[in-house]
Amino acid sequence: MNTLKKFELMEKIVRELEDLQNSQQAIIQKIGKIEVDNIELSDKRLEKDLPDMHQRVADNLDTITGILEYFATKTDTFADKNNIDALKEQDAIDQVTH
Protein backbone atom coordinates (compact mmCIF):
# COMPACT_ATOMS: atom_id res chain seq x y z
CA MET A 1 0.00 0.00 0.00
CA ASN A 2 1.48 3.33 -0.96
CA THR A 3 1.90 6.11 1.57
CA LEU A 4 -1.00 8.26 0.35
CA LYS A 5 -3.42 5.31 0.34
CA LYS A 6 -2.29 4.36 3.84
CA PHE A 7 -2.91 7.93 5.03
CA GLU A 8 -6.36 7.99 3.42
CA LEU A 9 -7.23 4.74 5.19
CA MET A 10 -5.99 6.16 8.49
CA GLU A 11 -8.17 9.27 7.96
CA LYS A 12 -11.15 7.01 7.23
CA ILE A 13 -10.58 5.15 10.51
CA VAL A 14 -10.42 8.47 12.40
CA ARG A 15 -13.78 9.48 10.87
CA GLU A 16 -15.29 6.10 11.76
CA LEU A 17 -14.04 6.41 15.34
CA GLU A 18 -15.55 9.91 15.54
CA ASP A 19 -18.85 8.49 14.29
CA LEU A 20 -18.66 5.69 16.85
CA GLN A 21 -17.95 8.24 19.59
CA ASN A 22 -20.98 10.31 18.53
CA SER A 23 -23.16 7.18 18.47
CA GLN A 24 -22.12 6.23 22.01
CA GLN A 25 -22.87 9.77 23.21
CA ALA A 26 -26.33 9.52 21.66
CA ILE A 27 -26.94 6.18 23.38
CA ILE A 28 -25.94 7.67 26.74
CA GLN A 29 -28.39 10.54 26.18
CA LYS A 30 -31.21 8.13 25.27
CA ILE A 31 -30.59 5.98 28.32
CA GLY A 32 -30.61 9.14 30.44
CA LYS A 33 -33.96 10.18 28.98
CA ILE A 34 -35.41 6.76 29.74
CA GLU A 35 -34.07 6.98 33.30
CA VAL A 36 -35.74 10.38 33.73
CA ASP A 37 -39.03 9.09 32.29
CA ASN A 38 -38.87 6.12 34.62
CA ILE A 39 -38.73 8.43 37.65
CA GLU A 40 -42.49 8.89 37.17
CA LEU A 41 -43.13 5.32 36.08
CA SER A 42 -40.97 3.59 38.73
CA ASP A 43 -40.56 0.35 36.80
CA LYS A 44 -38.33 -1.90 38.92
CA ARG A 45 -36.61 -3.63 35.98
CA LEU A 46 -35.70 -0.30 34.41
CA GLU A 47 -34.48 1.00 37.78
CA LYS A 48 -32.31 -2.07 38.14
CA ASP A 49 -30.85 -2.39 34.63
CA LEU A 50 -30.57 1.13 33.22
CA PRO A 51 -27.79 2.38 35.55
CA ASP A 52 -25.64 -0.63 34.63
CA MET A 53 -26.30 -0.08 30.93
CA HIS A 54 -25.46 3.59 31.32
CA GLN A 55 -22.16 2.76 33.02
CA ARG A 56 -21.14 0.17 30.42
CA VAL A 57 -21.85 2.56 27.55
CA ALA A 58 -19.97 5.35 29.38
CA ASP A 59 -17.00 3.00 29.84
CA ASN A 60 -17.11 2.15 26.11
CA LEU A 61 -17.21 5.86 25.29
CA ASP A 62 -14.12 6.44 27.43
CA THR A 63 -12.31 3.65 25.57
CA ILE A 64 -13.38 4.94 22.16
CA THR A 65 -12.30 8.48 23.08
CA GLY A 66 -8.89 7.21 24.13
CA ILE A 67 -8.45 5.21 20.93
CA LEU A 68 -9.62 8.18 18.83
CA GLU A 69 -7.16 10.56 20.49
CA TYR A 70 -4.32 8.06 20.04
CA PHE A 71 -5.13 7.27 16.41
CA ALA A 72 -5.80 10.89 15.38
CA THR A 73 -2.38 11.84 16.77
CA LYS A 74 -0.79 8.88 15.00
CA THR A 75 -2.46 9.94 11.74
CA ASP A 76 -1.26 13.54 12.11
CA THR A 77 2.27 12.37 12.89
CA PHE A 78 2.20 10.06 9.85
CA ALA A 79 1.05 12.97 7.67
CA ASP A 80 3.84 15.23 8.92
CA LYS A 81 6.53 12.56 8.68
CA ASN A 82 5.55 11.58 5.13
CA ASN A 83 4.80 15.08 3.79
CA ILE A 84 1.26 14.08 2.82
CA ASP A 85 0.40 17.54 1.47
CA ALA A 86 3.14 17.23 -1.15
CA LEU A 87 2.04 13.69 -1.99
CA LYS A 88 -1.55 14.91 -2.49
CA GLU A 89 -0.35 17.70 -4.76
CA GLN A 90 1.72 15.26 -6.81
CA ASP A 91 -1.20 12.84 -7.00
CA ALA A 92 -3.46 15.65 -8.26
CA ILE A 93 -0.89 16.55 -10.90
CA ASP A 94 -0.56 12.91 -11.91
CA GLN A 95 -4.36 12.62 -12.25
CA VAL A 96 -4.48 15.59 -14.61
CA THR A 97 -1.56 14.49 -16.75
CA HIS A 98 -2.66 10.89 -17.19
PDB file of N, CA and C in Angstrom:
ATOM      1  N   MET A   1       0.859  -1.175   0.000  1.00  0.00           N
ATOM      2  CA  MET A   1       0.000   0.000   0.000  1.00  0.00           C
ATOM      3  C   MET A   1       0.905   1.238   0.000  1.00  0.00           C
ATOM      4  N   ASN A   2       0.637   2.140  -0.926  1.00  0.00           N
ATOM      5  CA  ASN A   2       1.480   3.335  -0.965  1.00  0.00           C
ATOM      6  C   ASN A   2       1.139   4.275   0.190  1.00  0.00           C
ATOM      7  N   THR A   3       2.005   5.227   0.404  1.00  0.00           N
ATOM      8  CA  THR A   3       1.903   6.111   1.569  1.00  0.00           C
ATOM      9  C   THR A   3       0.607   6.905   1.562  1.00  0.00           C
ATOM     10  N   LEU A   4       0.221   7.451   0.425  1.00  0.00           N
ATOM     11  CA  LEU A   4      -1.000   8.255   0.347  1.00  0.00           C
ATOM     12  C   LEU A   4      -2.240   7.408   0.623  1.00  0.00           C
ATOM     13  N   LYS A   5      -2.280   6.205   0.084  1.00  0.00           N
ATOM     14  CA  LYS A   5      -3.415   5.308   0.337  1.00  0.00           C
ATOM     15  C   LYS A   5      -3.489   4.937   1.820  1.00  0.00           C
ATOM     16  N   LYS A   6      -2.326   4.688   2.409  1.00  0.00           N
ATOM     17  CA  LYS A   6      -2.295   4.364   3.836  1.00  0.00           C
ATOM     18  C   LYS A   6      -2.831   5.526   4.658  1.00  0.00           C
ATOM     19  N   PHE A   7      -2.419   6.750   4.314  1.00  0.00           N
ATOM     20  CA  PHE A   7      -2.910   7.926   5.028  1.00  0.00           C
ATOM     21  C   PHE A   7      -4.421   8.076   4.859  1.00  0.00           C
ATOM     22  N   GLU A   8      -4.919   7.880   3.659  1.00  0.00           N
ATOM     23  CA  GLU A   8      -6.363   7.988   3.416  1.00  0.00           C
ATOM     24  C   GLU A   8      -7.131   6.957   4.241  1.00  0.00           C
ATOM     25  N   LEU A   9      -6.592   5.761   4.367  1.00  0.00           N
ATOM     26  CA  LEU A   9      -7.231   4.737   5.188  1.00  0.00           C
ATOM     27  C   LEU A   9      -7.196   5.138   6.667  1.00  0.00           C
ATOM     28  N   MET A  10      -6.090   5.702   7.098  1.00  0.00           N
ATOM     29  CA  MET A  10      -5.990   6.164   8.490  1.00  0.00           C
ATOM     30  C   MET A  10      -7.023   7.267   8.753  1.00  0.00           C
ATOM     31  N   GLU A  11      -7.169   8.205   7.808  1.00  0.00           N
ATOM     32  CA  GLU A  11      -8.171   9.268   7.957  1.00  0.00           C
ATOM     33  C   GLU A  11      -9.585   8.680   8.025  1.00  0.00           C
ATOM     34  N   LYS A  12      -9.839   7.670   7.216  1.00  0.00           N
ATOM     35  CA  LYS A  12     -11.152   7.014   7.231  1.00  0.00           C
ATOM     36  C   LYS A  12     -11.417   6.397   8.604  1.00  0.00           C
ATOM     37  N   ILE A  13     -10.415   5.754   9.175  1.00  0.00           N
ATOM     38  CA  ILE A  13     -10.579   5.153  10.508  1.00  0.00           C
ATOM     39  C   ILE A  13     -10.849   6.228  11.546  1.00  0.00           C
ATOM     40  N   VAL A  14     -10.163   7.361  11.463  1.00  0.00           N
ATOM     41  CA  VAL A  14     -10.423   8.467  12.400  1.00  0.00           C
ATOM     42  C   VAL A  14     -11.878   8.914  12.286  1.00  0.00           C
ATOM     43  N   ARG A  15     -12.374   9.070  11.053  1.00  0.00           N
ATOM     44  CA  ARG A  15     -13.782   9.478  10.869  1.00  0.00           C
ATOM     45  C   ARG A  15     -14.743   8.438  11.439  1.00  0.00           C
ATOM     46  N   GLU A  16     -14.431   7.160  11.232  1.00  0.00           N
ATOM     47  CA  GLU A  16     -15.294   6.098  11.759  1.00  0.00           C
ATOM     48  C   GLU A  16     -15.279   6.091  13.285  1.00  0.00           C
ATOM     49  N   LEU A  17     -14.120   6.333  13.880  1.00  0.00           N
ATOM     50  CA  LEU A  17     -14.038   6.412  15.344  1.00  0.00           C
ATOM     51  C   LEU A  17     -14.825   7.610  15.865  1.00  0.00           C
ATOM     52  N   GLU A  18     -14.762   8.739  15.150  1.00  0.00           N
ATOM     53  CA  GLU A  18     -15.553   9.910  15.538  1.00  0.00           C
ATOM     54  C   GLU A  18     -17.047   9.589  15.482  1.00  0.00           C
ATOM     55  N   ASP A  19     -17.463   8.889  14.434  1.00  0.00           N
ATOM     56  CA  ASP A  19     -18.855   8.492  14.292  1.00  0.00           C
ATOM     57  C   ASP A  19     -19.265   7.555  15.428  1.00  0.00           C
ATOM     58  N   LEU A  20     -18.393   6.617  15.752  1.00  0.00           N
ATOM     59  CA  LEU A  20     -18.656   5.694  16.850  1.00  0.00           C
ATOM     60  C   LEU A  20     -18.776   6.445  18.176  1.00  0.00           C
ATOM     61  N   GLN A  21     -17.898   7.418  18.380  1.00  0.00           N
ATOM     62  CA  GLN A  21     -17.954   8.238  19.593  1.00  0.00           C
ATOM     63  C   GLN A  21     -19.291   8.986  19.667  1.00  0.00           C
ATOM     64  N   ASN A  22     -19.703   9.583  18.562  1.00  0.00           N
ATOM     65  CA  ASN A  22     -20.984  10.305  18.531  1.00  0.00           C
ATOM     66  C   ASN A  22     -22.157   9.365  18.799  1.00  0.00           C
ATOM     67  N   SER A  23     -22.094   8.163  18.257  1.00  0.00           N
ATOM     68  CA  SER A  23     -23.164   7.185  18.472  1.00  0.00           C
ATOM     69  C   SER A  23     -23.260   6.800  19.947  1.00  0.00           C
ATOM     70  N   GLN A  24     -22.123   6.591  20.588  1.00  0.00           N
ATOM     71  CA  GLN A  24     -22.119   6.228  22.008  1.00  0.00           C
ATOM     72  C   GLN A  24     -22.677   7.375  22.850  1.00  0.00           C
ATOM     73  N   GLN A  25     -22.324   8.616  22.491  1.00  0.00           N
ATOM     74  CA  GLN A  25     -22.868   9.770  23.208  1.00  0.00           C
ATOM     75  C   GLN A  25     -24.387   9.822  23.066  1.00  0.00           C
ATOM     76  N   ALA A  26     -24.880   9.528  21.880  1.00  0.00           N
ATOM     77  CA  ALA A  26     -26.330   9.525  21.656  1.00  0.00           C
ATOM     78  C   ALA A  26     -27.005   8.433  22.478  1.00  0.00           C
ATOM     79  N   ILE A  27     -26.376   7.271  22.578  1.00  0.00           N
ATOM     80  CA  ILE A  27     -26.941   6.179  23.381  1.00  0.00           C
ATOM     81  C   ILE A  27     -27.000   6.585  24.851  1.00  0.00           C
ATOM     82  N   ILE A  28     -25.947   7.215  25.350  1.00  0.00           N
ATOM     83  CA  ILE A  28     -25.944   7.672  26.741  1.00  0.00           C
ATOM     84  C   ILE A  28     -27.091   8.654  26.972  1.00  0.00           C
ATOM     85  N   GLN A  29     -27.300   9.567  26.050  1.00  0.00           N
ATOM     86  CA  GLN A  29     -28.391  10.536  26.181  1.00  0.00           C
ATOM     87  C   GLN A  29     -29.749   9.840  26.183  1.00  0.00           C
ATOM     88  N   LYS A  30     -29.927   8.849  25.331  1.00  0.00           N
ATOM     89  CA  LYS A  30     -31.205   8.134  25.269  1.00  0.00           C
ATOM     90  C   LYS A  30     -31.459   7.348  26.552  1.00  0.00           C
ATOM     91  N   ILE A  31     -30.425   6.707  27.057  1.00  0.00           N
ATOM     92  CA  ILE A  31     -30.585   5.978  28.324  1.00  0.00           C
ATOM     93  C   ILE A  31     -30.952   6.963  29.425  1.00  0.00           C
ATOM     94  N   GLY A  32     -30.299   8.120  29.443  1.00  0.00           N
ATOM     95  CA  GLY A  32     -30.612   9.141  30.443  1.00  0.00           C
ATOM     96  C   GLY A  32     -32.057   9.601  30.360  1.00  0.00           C
ATOM     97  N   LYS A  33     -32.564   9.770  29.152  1.00  0.00           N
ATOM     98  CA  LYS A  33     -33.964  10.177  28.981  1.00  0.00           C
ATOM     99  C   LYS A  33     -34.911   9.104  29.509  1.00  0.00           C
ATOM    100  N   ILE A  34     -34.580   7.855  29.241  1.00  0.00           N
ATOM    101  CA  ILE A  34     -35.414   6.758  29.741  1.00  0.00           C
ATOM    102  C   ILE A  34     -35.371   6.734  31.271  1.00  0.00           C
ATOM    103  N   GLU A  35     -34.190   6.950  31.838  1.00  0.00           N
ATOM    104  CA  GLU A  35     -34.074   6.981  33.304  1.00  0.00           C
ATOM    105  C   GLU A  35     -34.934   8.098  33.898  1.00  0.00           C
ATOM    106  N   VAL A  36     -34.921   9.259  33.250  1.00  0.00           N
ATOM    107  CA  VAL A  36     -35.740  10.377  33.730  1.00  0.00           C
ATOM    108  C   VAL A  36     -37.227  10.036  33.613  1.00  0.00           C
ATOM    109  N   ASP A  37     -37.628   9.471  32.470  1.00  0.00           N
ATOM    110  CA  ASP A  37     -39.031   9.093  32.291  1.00  0.00           C
ATOM    111  C   ASP A  37     -39.457   8.048  33.317  1.00  0.00           C
ATOM    112  N   ASN A  38     -38.537   7.184  33.677  1.00  0.00           N
ATOM    113  CA  ASN A  38     -38.868   6.122  34.624  1.00  0.00           C
ATOM    114  C   ASN A  38     -38.995   6.643  36.058  1.00  0.00           C
ATOM    115  N   ILE A  39     -38.543   7.854  36.311  1.00  0.00           N
ATOM    116  CA  ILE A  39     -38.733   8.430  37.647  1.00  0.00           C
ATOM    117  C   ILE A  39     -40.232   8.474  37.963  1.00  0.00           C
ATOM    118  N   GLU A  40     -41.033   8.860  36.977  1.00  0.00           N
ATOM    119  CA  GLU A  40     -42.488   8.889  37.168  1.00  0.00           C
ATOM    120  C   GLU A  40     -43.085   7.489  37.148  1.00  0.00           C
ATOM    121  N   LEU A  41     -42.554   6.644  36.267  1.00  0.00           N
ATOM    122  CA  LEU A  41     -43.130   5.318  36.083  1.00  0.00           C
ATOM    123  C   LEU A  41     -42.730   4.355  37.200  1.00  0.00           C
ATOM    124  N   SER A  42     -41.513   4.445  37.662  1.00  0.00           N
ATOM    125  CA  SER A  42     -40.975   3.587  38.734  1.00  0.00           C
ATOM    126  C   SER A  42     -40.996   2.099  38.396  1.00  0.00           C
ATOM    127  N   ASP A  43     -40.645   1.757  37.162  1.00  0.00           N
ATOM    128  CA  ASP A  43     -40.557   0.352  36.795  1.00  0.00           C
ATOM    129  C   ASP A  43     -39.293  -0.231  37.423  1.00  0.00           C
ATOM    130  N   LYS A  44     -39.448  -1.306  38.171  1.00  0.00           N
ATOM    131  CA  LYS A  44     -38.326  -1.899  38.917  1.00  0.00           C
ATOM    132  C   LYS A  44     -37.236  -2.433  38.000  1.00  0.00           C
ATOM    133  N   ARG A  45     -37.617  -3.068  36.911  1.00  0.00           N
ATOM    134  CA  ARG A  45     -36.615  -3.627  35.984  1.00  0.00           C
ATOM    135  C   ARG A  45     -35.774  -2.509  35.380  1.00  0.00           C
ATOM    136  N   LEU A  46     -36.445  -1.431  34.967  1.00  0.00           N
ATOM    137  CA  LEU A  46     -35.704  -0.301  34.408  1.00  0.00           C
ATOM    138  C   LEU A  46     -34.787   0.321  35.468  1.00  0.00           C
ATOM    139  N   GLU A  47     -35.299   0.457  36.683  1.00  0.00           N
ATOM    140  CA  GLU A  47     -34.480   1.005  37.779  1.00  0.00           C
ATOM    141  C   GLU A  47     -33.244   0.154  38.028  1.00  0.00           C
ATOM    142  N   LYS A  48     -33.409  -1.143  37.882  1.00  0.00           N
ATOM    143  CA  LYS A  48     -32.311  -2.075  38.141  1.00  0.00           C
ATOM    144  C   LYS A  48     -31.283  -2.082  37.006  1.00  0.00           C
ATOM    145  N   ASP A  49     -31.750  -2.150  35.756  1.00  0.00           N
ATOM    146  CA  ASP A  49     -30.848  -2.388  34.628  1.00  0.00           C
ATOM    147  C   ASP A  49     -30.280  -1.135  33.973  1.00  0.00           C
ATOM    148  N   LEU A  50     -31.033  -0.048  33.949  1.00  0.00           N
ATOM    149  CA  LEU A  50     -30.569   1.135  33.217  1.00  0.00           C
ATOM    150  C   LEU A  50     -29.260   1.727  33.765  1.00  0.00           C
ATOM    151  N   PRO A  51     -29.071   1.835  35.074  1.00  0.00           N
ATOM    152  CA  PRO A  51     -27.795   2.380  35.554  1.00  0.00           C
ATOM    153  C   PRO A  51     -26.586   1.545  35.107  1.00  0.00           C
ATOM    154  N   ASP A  52     -26.737   0.225  35.091  1.00  0.00           N
ATOM    155  CA  ASP A  52     -25.641  -0.635  34.630  1.00  0.00           C
ATOM    156  C   ASP A  52     -25.373  -0.431  33.136  1.00  0.00           C
ATOM    157  N   MET A  53     -26.457  -0.334  32.358  1.00  0.00           N
ATOM    158  CA  MET A  53     -26.302  -0.077  30.925  1.00  0.00           C
ATOM    159  C   MET A  53     -25.599   1.257  30.700  1.00  0.00           C
ATOM    160  N   HIS A  54     -26.040   2.253  31.433  1.00  0.00           N
ATOM    161  CA  HIS A  54     -25.460   3.594  31.317  1.00  0.00           C
ATOM    162  C   HIS A  54     -23.960   3.540  31.598  1.00  0.00           C
ATOM    163  N   GLN A  55     -23.570   2.838  32.646  1.00  0.00           N
ATOM    164  CA  GLN A  55     -22.159   2.756  33.019  1.00  0.00           C
ATOM    165  C   GLN A  55     -21.334   2.021  31.957  1.00  0.00           C
ATOM    166  N   ARG A  56     -21.875   0.926  31.444  1.00  0.00           N
ATOM    167  CA  ARG A  56     -21.139   0.172  30.415  1.00  0.00           C
ATOM    168  C   ARG A  56     -20.933   1.005  29.156  1.00  0.00           C
ATOM    169  N   VAL A  57     -21.964   1.723  28.736  1.00  0.00           N
ATOM    170  CA  VAL A  57     -21.845   2.563  27.546  1.00  0.00           C
ATOM    171  C   VAL A  57     -20.857   3.709  27.817  1.00  0.00           C
ATOM    172  N   ALA A  58     -20.912   4.280  29.019  1.00  0.00           N
ATOM    173  CA  ALA A  58     -19.969   5.346  29.379  1.00  0.00           C
ATOM    174  C   ALA A  58     -18.536   4.821  29.373  1.00  0.00           C
ATOM    175  N   ASP A  59     -18.333   3.603  29.867  1.00  0.00           N
ATOM    176  CA  ASP A  59     -17.002   2.995  29.836  1.00  0.00           C
ATOM    177  C   ASP A  59     -16.538   2.785  28.400  1.00  0.00           C
ATOM    178  N   ASN A  60     -17.445   2.323  27.530  1.00  0.00           N
ATOM    179  CA  ASN A  60     -17.113   2.152  26.109  1.00  0.00           C
ATOM    180  C   ASN A  60     -16.747   3.496  25.478  1.00  0.00           C
ATOM    181  N   LEU A  61     -17.495   4.527  25.826  1.00  0.00           N
ATOM    182  CA  LEU A  61     -17.215   5.857  25.291  1.00  0.00           C
ATOM    183  C   LEU A  61     -15.818   6.313  25.709  1.00  0.00           C
ATOM    184  N   ASP A  62     -15.458   6.079  26.961  1.00  0.00           N
ATOM    185  CA  ASP A  62     -14.116   6.443  27.428  1.00  0.00           C
ATOM    186  C   ASP A  62     -13.044   5.712  26.618  1.00  0.00           C
ATOM    187  N   THR A  63     -13.268   4.429  26.357  1.00  0.00           N
ATOM    188  CA  THR A  63     -12.314   3.646  25.573  1.00  0.00           C
ATOM    189  C   THR A  63     -12.223   4.170  24.152  1.00  0.00           C
ATOM    190  N   ILE A  64     -13.357   4.429  23.535  1.00  0.00           N
ATOM    191  CA  ILE A  64     -13.384   4.942  22.164  1.00  0.00           C
ATOM    192  C   ILE A  64     -12.682   6.295  22.086  1.00  0.00           C
ATOM    193  N   THR A  65     -12.935   7.161  23.061  1.00  0.00           N
ATOM    194  CA  THR A  65     -12.305   8.478  23.083  1.00  0.00           C
ATOM    195  C   THR A  65     -10.783   8.349  23.175  1.00  0.00           C
ATOM    196  N   GLY A  66     -10.321   7.433  24.013  1.00  0.00           N
ATOM    197  CA  GLY A  66      -8.886   7.205  24.131  1.00  0.00           C
ATOM    198  C   GLY A  66      -8.274   6.699  22.842  1.00  0.00           C
ATOM    199  N   ILE A  67      -8.943   5.751  22.206  1.00  0.00           N
ATOM    200  CA  ILE A  67      -8.453   5.213  20.932  1.00  0.00           C
ATOM    201  C   ILE A  67      -8.455   6.311  19.865  1.00  0.00           C
ATOM    202  N   LEU A  68      -9.517   7.100  19.817  1.00  0.00           N
ATOM    203  CA  LEU A  68      -9.617   8.178  18.832  1.00  0.00           C
ATOM    204  C   LEU A  68      -8.484   9.181  19.013  1.00  0.00           C
ATOM    205  N   GLU A  69      -8.232   9.603  20.246  1.00  0.00           N
ATOM    206  CA  GLU A  69      -7.156  10.561  20.494  1.00  0.00           C
ATOM    207  C   GLU A  69      -5.812   9.983  20.063  1.00  0.00           C
ATOM    208  N   TYR A  70      -5.563   8.730  20.426  1.00  0.00           N
ATOM    209  CA  TYR A  70      -4.319   8.060  20.036  1.00  0.00           C
ATOM    210  C   TYR A  70      -4.176   7.987  18.519  1.00  0.00           C
ATOM    211  N   PHE A  71      -5.247   7.523  17.834  1.00  0.00           N
ATOM    212  CA  PHE A  71      -5.128   7.274  16.407  1.00  0.00           C
ATOM    213  C   PHE A  71      -5.117   8.568  15.599  1.00  0.00           C
ATOM    214  N   ALA A  72      -5.835   9.596  16.069  1.00  0.00           N
ATOM    215  CA  ALA A  72      -5.800  10.889  15.384  1.00  0.00           C
ATOM    216  C   ALA A  72      -4.391  11.481  15.462  1.00  0.00           C
ATOM    217  N   THR A  73      -3.758  11.364  16.622  1.00  0.00           N
ATOM    218  CA  THR A  73      -2.385  11.836  16.774  1.00  0.00           C
ATOM    219  C   THR A  73      -1.436  11.047  15.882  1.00  0.00           C
ATOM    220  N   LYS A  74      -1.623   9.735  15.849  1.00  0.00           N
ATOM    221  CA  LYS A  74      -0.789   8.881  14.997  1.00  0.00           C
ATOM    222  C   LYS A  74      -0.950   9.267  13.530  1.00  0.00           C
ATOM    223  N   THR A  75      -2.183   9.551  13.121  1.00  0.00           N
ATOM    224  CA  THR A  75      -2.461   9.939  11.742  1.00  0.00           C
ATOM    225  C   THR A  75      -1.797  11.274  11.413  1.00  0.00           C
ATOM    226  N   ASP A  76      -1.900  12.242  12.326  1.00  0.00           N
ATOM    227  CA  ASP A  76      -1.262  13.541  12.112  1.00  0.00           C
ATOM    228  C   ASP A  76       0.253  13.403  12.021  1.00  0.00           C
ATOM    229  N   THR A  77       0.827  12.596  12.897  1.00  0.00           N
ATOM    230  CA  THR A  77       2.268  12.366  12.887  1.00  0.00           C
ATOM    231  C   THR A  77       2.698  11.706  11.575  1.00  0.00           C
ATOM    232  N   PHE A  78       1.926  10.731  11.121  1.00  0.00           N
ATOM    233  CA  PHE A  78       2.204  10.062   9.853  1.00  0.00           C
ATOM    234  C   PHE A  78       2.174  11.070   8.709  1.00  0.00           C
ATOM    235  N   ALA A  79       1.173  11.955   8.723  1.00  0.00           N
ATOM    236  CA  ALA A  79       1.051  12.967   7.673  1.00  0.00           C
ATOM    237  C   ALA A  79       2.265  13.888   7.656  1.00  0.00           C
ATOM    238  N   ASP A  80       2.678  14.343   8.833  1.00  0.00           N
ATOM    239  CA  ASP A  80       3.836  15.233   8.921  1.00  0.00           C
ATOM    240  C   ASP A  80       5.115  14.528   8.480  1.00  0.00           C
ATOM    241  N   LYS A  81       5.311  13.325   8.964  1.00  0.00           N
ATOM    242  CA  LYS A  81       6.528  12.558   8.676  1.00  0.00           C
ATOM    243  C   LYS A  81       6.665  12.248   7.186  1.00  0.00           C
ATOM    244  N   ASN A  82       5.532  12.013   6.536  1.00  0.00           N
ATOM    245  CA  ASN A  82       5.552  11.583   5.135  1.00  0.00           C
ATOM    246  C   ASN A  82       5.186  12.693   4.152  1.00  0.00           C
ATOM    247  N   ASN A  83       5.095  13.928   4.651  1.00  0.00           N
ATOM    248  CA  ASN A  83       4.804  15.080   3.789  1.00  0.00           C
ATOM    249  C   ASN A  83       3.589  14.802   2.896  1.00  0.00           C
ATOM    250  N   ILE A  84       2.487  14.476   3.533  1.00  0.00           N
ATOM    251  CA  ILE A  84       1.263  14.080   2.821  1.00  0.00           C
ATOM    252  C   ILE A  84       0.746  15.181   1.900  1.00  0.00           C
ATOM    253  N   ASP A  85       0.875  16.444   2.319  1.00  0.00           N
ATOM    254  CA  ASP A  85       0.396  17.539   1.469  1.00  0.00           C
ATOM    255  C   ASP A  85       1.089  17.519   0.108  1.00  0.00           C
ATOM    256  N   ALA A  86       2.399  17.302   0.115  1.00  0.00           N
ATOM    257  CA  ALA A  86       3.140  17.233  -1.150  1.00  0.00           C
ATOM    258  C   ALA A  86       2.720  16.010  -1.955  1.00  0.00           C
ATOM    259  N   LEU A  87       2.488  14.883  -1.283  1.00  0.00           N
ATOM    260  CA  LEU A  87       2.036  13.686  -1.990  1.00  0.00           C
ATOM    261  C   LEU A  87       0.668  13.902  -2.629  1.00  0.00           C
ATOM    262  N   LYS A  88      -0.227  14.610  -1.921  1.00  0.00           N
ATOM    263  CA  LYS A  88      -1.553  14.907  -2.488  1.00  0.00           C
ATOM    264  C   LYS A  88      -1.434  15.801  -3.714  1.00  0.00           C
ATOM    265  N   GLU A  89      -0.555  16.809  -3.618  1.00  0.00           N
ATOM    266  CA  GLU A  89      -0.350  17.700  -4.759  1.00  0.00           C
ATOM    267  C   GLU A  89       0.183  16.923  -5.961  1.00  0.00           C
ATOM    268  N   GLN A  90       1.151  16.061  -5.719  1.00  0.00           N
ATOM    269  CA  GLN A  90       1.723  15.264  -6.809  1.00  0.00           C
ATOM    270  C   GLN A  90       0.686  14.321  -7.401  1.00  0.00           C
ATOM    271  N   ASP A  91      -0.147  13.734  -6.533  1.00  0.00           N
ATOM    272  CA  ASP A  91      -1.200  12.839  -7.001  1.00  0.00           C
ATOM    273  C   ASP A  91      -2.199  13.598  -7.869  1.00  0.00           C
ATOM    274  N   ALA A  92      -2.539  14.829  -7.471  1.00  0.00           N
ATOM    275  CA  ALA A  92      -3.464  15.649  -8.257  1.00  0.00           C
ATOM    276  C   ALA A  92      -2.853  15.964  -9.627  1.00  0.00           C
ATOM    277  N   ILE A  93      -1.568  16.278  -9.640  1.00  0.00           N
ATOM    278  CA  ILE A  93      -0.893  16.548 -10.904  1.00  0.00           C
ATOM    279  C   ILE A  93      -0.891  15.306 -11.788  1.00  0.00           C
ATOM    280  N   ASP A  94      -0.572  14.176 -11.162  1.00  0.00           N
ATOM    281  CA  ASP A  94      -0.562  12.912 -11.915  1.00  0.00           C
ATOM    282  C   ASP A  94      -1.932  12.586 -12.504  1.00  0.00           C
ATOM    283  N   GLN A  95      -2.995  12.896 -11.755  1.00  0.00           N
ATOM    284  CA  GLN A  95      -4.356  12.618 -12.247  1.00  0.00           C
ATOM    285  C   GLN A  95      -4.672  13.456 -13.485  1.00  0.00           C
ATOM    286  N   VAL A  96      -4.206  14.694 -13.486  1.00  0.00           N
ATOM    287  CA  VAL A  96      -4.476  15.594 -14.605  1.00  0.00           C
ATOM    288  C   VAL A  96      -3.669  15.214 -15.844  1.00  0.00           C
ATOM    289  N   THR A  97      -2.435  14.770 -15.617  1.00  0.00           N
ATOM    290  CA  THR A  97      -1.562  14.488 -16.754  1.00  0.00           C
ATOM    291  C   THR A  97      -1.725  13.089 -17.320  1.00  0.00           C
ATOM    292  N   HIS A  98      -2.487  12.253 -16.669  1.00  0.00           N
ATOM    293  CA  HIS A  98      -2.660  10.893 -17.191  1.00  0.00           C
ATOM    294  C   HIS A  98      -4.042  10.690 -17.689  1.00  0.00           C
TER     295      HIS A  98
END
